[in-house]
Amino acid sequence: MNRYAVALGLTLLAFSYFSGCTNLIPTQSVPFTLNQSQGTFDVTAGEPTAKSFGVTGFDNGGVTIGRGSMVINPDAITFTPAGTGKRVQNFQGGETIVVTGWIGPVADLETVCETGDEYGPYTVTLDENMQPVAVSPNSISLTQSTIDLLNGGEFSVCLEVVSTVTGQVRIESFTFNLGL
């Protein structure tokens, strides 16, 4: 995540809020990019798989976040079904991937999947080419405890993925829409 972009965006958000222009910039989108090990899931149909990781140094630009939401965009997800080559399957579309996230204190990294604030499930619908085309819901409001963790700059994240088809899911990013 580009710290300068986050700092600039949140600074603009604060300026618009304090200058009375809250309708111009009500929230700032802050993408949270996942590296290869954090965002790649080998999935077996119907079986959940989860990964957790800690985040330190989340830069909120010195602005106190007061509200926000977590957004998953279908364009940030790719799916590669197993059985390519000789065993290529015909898909009708409508298969799904379910993503659930949890956010908790960085000290709770080992248990964040059970004890963190839950976001989801987000249901990702795949088309006949096994590409994500929709996410429902695409946005879930953040709890106050998650907002406090973001303001503190340290937290842990758990992502769990369940697919109706065996293969590999790659989640490039999710987004925090943050406001004052």
Protein backbone atom coordinates (compact mmCIF):
# COMPACT_ATOMS: atom_id res chain seq x y z
CA MET A 1 0.00 0.00 0.00
CA ASN A 2 1.38 3.38 -0.94
CA ARG A 3 1.64 5.33 2.33
CA TYR A 4 1.82 8.65 0.54
CA ALA A 5 -1.41 8.02 -1.34
CA VAL A 6 -3.16 7.04 1.89
CA ALA A 7 -1.81 10.09 3.73
CA LEU A 8 -2.79 12.43 0.89
CA GLY A 9 -6.25 10.93 0.56
CA LEU A 10 -6.99 11.12 4.27
CA THR A 11 -5.57 14.65 4.45
CA LEU A 12 -7.95 15.70 1.66
CA LEU A 13 -10.77 13.98 3.51
CA ALA A 14 -9.96 15.90 6.71
CA PHE A 15 -9.68 19.19 4.82
CA SER A 16 -13.04 18.67 3.12
CA TYR A 17 -14.69 17.73 6.41
CA PHE A 18 -13.35 20.66 8.41
CA SER A 19 -13.99 23.14 5.61
CA GLY A 20 -17.65 22.12 5.48
CA CYS A 21 -17.45 20.31 2.13
CA THR A 22 -18.42 16.88 3.39
CA ASN A 23 -20.52 16.20 0.29
CA LEU A 24 -17.46 16.48 -1.97
CA ILE A 25 -15.34 13.75 -0.39
CA PRO A 26 -17.39 11.73 2.12
CA THR A 27 -14.96 8.79 2.27
CA GLN A 28 -11.50 7.91 1.04
CA SER A 29 -10.86 4.53 -0.60
CA VAL A 30 -7.71 2.92 0.75
CA PRO A 31 -6.70 -0.24 -1.16
CA PHE A 32 -5.08 -2.94 0.93
CA THR A 33 -2.87 -5.02 -1.36
CA LEU A 34 -2.18 -8.65 -0.43
CA ASN A 35 1.14 -10.23 -1.32
CA GLN A 36 1.30 -13.63 -3.03
CA SER A 37 1.44 -15.66 0.19
CA GLN A 38 -1.37 -13.70 1.85
CA GLY A 39 -3.79 -13.69 -1.08
CA THR A 40 -3.36 -17.07 -2.82
CA PHE A 41 -5.57 -19.95 -1.70
CA ASP A 42 -5.50 -23.53 -3.02
CA VAL A 43 -9.10 -24.63 -2.55
CA THR A 44 -10.88 -27.97 -2.60
CA ALA A 45 -14.58 -27.75 -3.41
CA GLY A 46 -16.62 -27.25 -0.26
CA GLU A 47 -13.66 -27.15 2.14
CA PRO A 48 -12.69 -23.88 3.86
CA THR A 49 -9.08 -22.71 3.80
CA ALA A 50 -7.83 -19.75 5.82
CA LYS A 51 -4.75 -17.58 6.19
CA SER A 52 -3.93 -14.98 8.80
CA PHE A 53 -1.27 -12.28 8.90
CA GLY A 54 -0.30 -9.28 10.98
CA VAL A 55 -0.21 -5.67 9.80
CA THR A 56 1.99 -3.06 11.43
CA GLY A 57 2.52 0.49 10.33
CA PHE A 58 -0.92 1.05 8.76
CA ASP A 59 -0.72 4.75 7.88
CA ASN A 60 -3.92 6.71 8.38
CA GLY A 61 -2.19 9.98 7.50
CA GLY A 62 -2.46 11.28 11.05
CA VAL A 63 -6.24 11.60 10.67
CA THR A 64 -8.54 9.91 13.16
CA ILE A 65 -10.82 7.55 11.27
CA GLY A 66 -14.40 7.71 12.53
CA ARG A 67 -16.23 5.36 10.18
CA GLY A 68 -15.60 3.01 7.33
CA SER A 69 -16.37 -0.14 5.43
CA MET A 70 -14.53 -3.12 3.98
CA VAL A 71 -15.10 -3.66 0.25
CA ILE A 72 -14.27 -6.63 -1.96
CA ASN A 73 -14.27 -5.96 -5.70
CA PRO A 74 -14.67 -8.87 -8.16
CA ASP A 75 -11.95 -7.32 -10.36
CA ALA A 76 -9.44 -7.96 -7.55
CA ILE A 77 -10.11 -11.73 -7.57
CA THR A 78 -9.02 -14.38 -10.04
CA PHE A 79 -9.88 -18.06 -10.06
CA THR A 80 -8.10 -20.89 -11.84
CA PRO A 81 -10.04 -24.16 -11.75
CA ALA A 82 -8.16 -27.42 -11.27
CA GLY A 83 -8.31 -29.96 -14.06
CA THR A 84 -7.00 -27.89 -16.92
CA GLY A 85 -5.46 -29.57 -19.94
CA LYS A 86 -6.94 -32.98 -20.77
CA ARG A 87 -9.56 -32.76 -18.04
CA VAL A 88 -11.05 -29.36 -18.92
CA GLN A 89 -14.57 -29.14 -17.56
CA ASN A 90 -17.54 -27.30 -19.03
CA PHE A 91 -18.92 -24.79 -16.55
CA GLN A 92 -22.35 -23.21 -16.75
CA GLY A 93 -21.59 -20.21 -14.56
CA GLY A 94 -23.12 -19.45 -11.20
CA GLU A 95 -20.42 -21.24 -9.23
CA THR A 96 -19.36 -19.28 -6.16
CA ILE A 97 -16.46 -18.42 -3.92
CA VAL A 98 -17.28 -17.29 -0.39
CA VAL A 99 -14.78 -14.99 1.32
CA THR A 100 -15.00 -14.12 5.01
CA GLY A 101 -12.57 -11.81 6.79
CA TRP A 102 -11.79 -11.16 10.41
CA ILE A 103 -9.82 -8.24 11.86
CA GLY A 104 -8.43 -8.19 15.39
CA PRO A 105 -5.49 -7.01 17.48
CA VAL A 106 -2.06 -7.87 16.08
CA ALA A 107 -1.38 -9.83 19.29
CA ASP A 108 -4.29 -12.15 18.40
CA LEU A 109 -2.72 -13.37 15.15
CA GLU A 110 -3.09 -17.04 16.13
CA THR A 111 -6.78 -16.70 17.02
CA VAL A 112 -8.03 -13.83 14.84
CA CYS A 113 -10.10 -16.25 12.73
CA GLU A 114 -12.14 -17.12 15.83
CA THR A 115 -11.98 -13.91 17.88
CA GLY A 116 -11.71 -11.00 15.42
CA ASP A 117 -14.49 -8.79 14.11
CA GLU A 118 -16.14 -10.73 11.27
CA TYR A 119 -16.66 -9.23 7.81
CA GLY A 120 -18.67 -11.35 5.47
CA PRO A 121 -19.48 -13.68 4.10
CA TYR A 122 -18.93 -12.04 0.73
CA THR A 123 -20.31 -14.27 -2.03
CA VAL A 124 -18.36 -14.02 -5.28
CA THR A 125 -20.29 -15.25 -8.34
CA LEU A 126 -18.31 -16.77 -11.23
CA ASP A 127 -19.33 -16.71 -14.89
CA GLU A 128 -19.08 -19.63 -17.35
CA ASN A 129 -15.37 -18.80 -17.84
CA MET A 130 -14.86 -19.09 -14.07
CA GLN A 131 -14.15 -15.38 -13.72
CA PRO A 132 -15.62 -13.33 -10.86
CA VAL A 133 -18.45 -11.07 -12.06
CA ALA A 134 -20.20 -9.97 -8.86
CA VAL A 135 -19.74 -9.78 -5.09
CA SER A 136 -22.64 -9.67 -2.65
CA PRO A 137 -22.54 -7.70 -0.49
CA ASN A 138 -19.59 -5.77 -1.83
CA SER A 139 -19.32 -3.57 1.28
CA ILE A 140 -19.70 -4.18 5.03
CA SER A 141 -19.46 -1.42 7.66
CA LEU A 142 -16.51 -1.58 10.05
CA THR A 143 -17.08 -2.04 13.77
CA GLN A 144 -15.78 0.53 16.24
CA SER A 145 -13.15 -1.92 17.52
CA THR A 146 -11.78 -2.37 13.97
CA ILE A 147 -11.76 1.42 13.46
CA ASP A 148 -9.79 1.74 16.71
CA LEU A 149 -7.27 -0.84 15.45
CA LEU A 150 -6.88 1.01 12.13
CA ASN A 151 -6.33 4.26 14.02
CA GLY A 152 -3.66 2.49 16.10
CA GLY A 153 -1.86 1.25 12.98
CA GLU A 154 -1.54 -2.42 14.02
CA PHE A 155 -3.95 -5.28 13.48
CA SER A 156 -4.21 -8.86 12.30
CA VAL A 157 -6.32 -10.16 9.41
CA CYS A 158 -7.73 -13.60 8.69
CA LEU A 159 -9.23 -14.46 5.31
CA GLU A 160 -11.17 -17.68 4.77
CA VAL A 161 -12.14 -18.90 1.31
CA VAL A 162 -14.66 -21.61 0.39
CA SER A 163 -15.24 -22.46 -3.28
CA THR A 164 -17.80 -24.66 -4.98
CA VAL A 165 -15.06 -25.66 -7.45
CA THR A 166 -11.55 -27.00 -6.75
CA GLY A 167 -8.74 -24.74 -7.92
CA GLN A 168 -6.77 -21.66 -6.93
CA VAL A 169 -8.22 -18.35 -5.74
CA ARG A 170 -6.08 -15.22 -5.85
CA ILE A 171 -7.31 -12.16 -3.94
CA GLU A 172 -5.17 -9.21 -5.02
CA SER A 173 -6.67 -6.70 -2.60
CA PHE A 174 -9.61 -5.44 -0.63
CA THR A 175 -10.46 -1.83 0.11
CA PHE A 176 -11.19 0.18 3.20
CA ASN A 177 -13.53 3.11 2.54
CA LEU A 178 -12.68 5.42 5.44
CA GLY A 179 -14.29 8.60 6.71
CA LEU A 180 -14.12 10.99 9.63
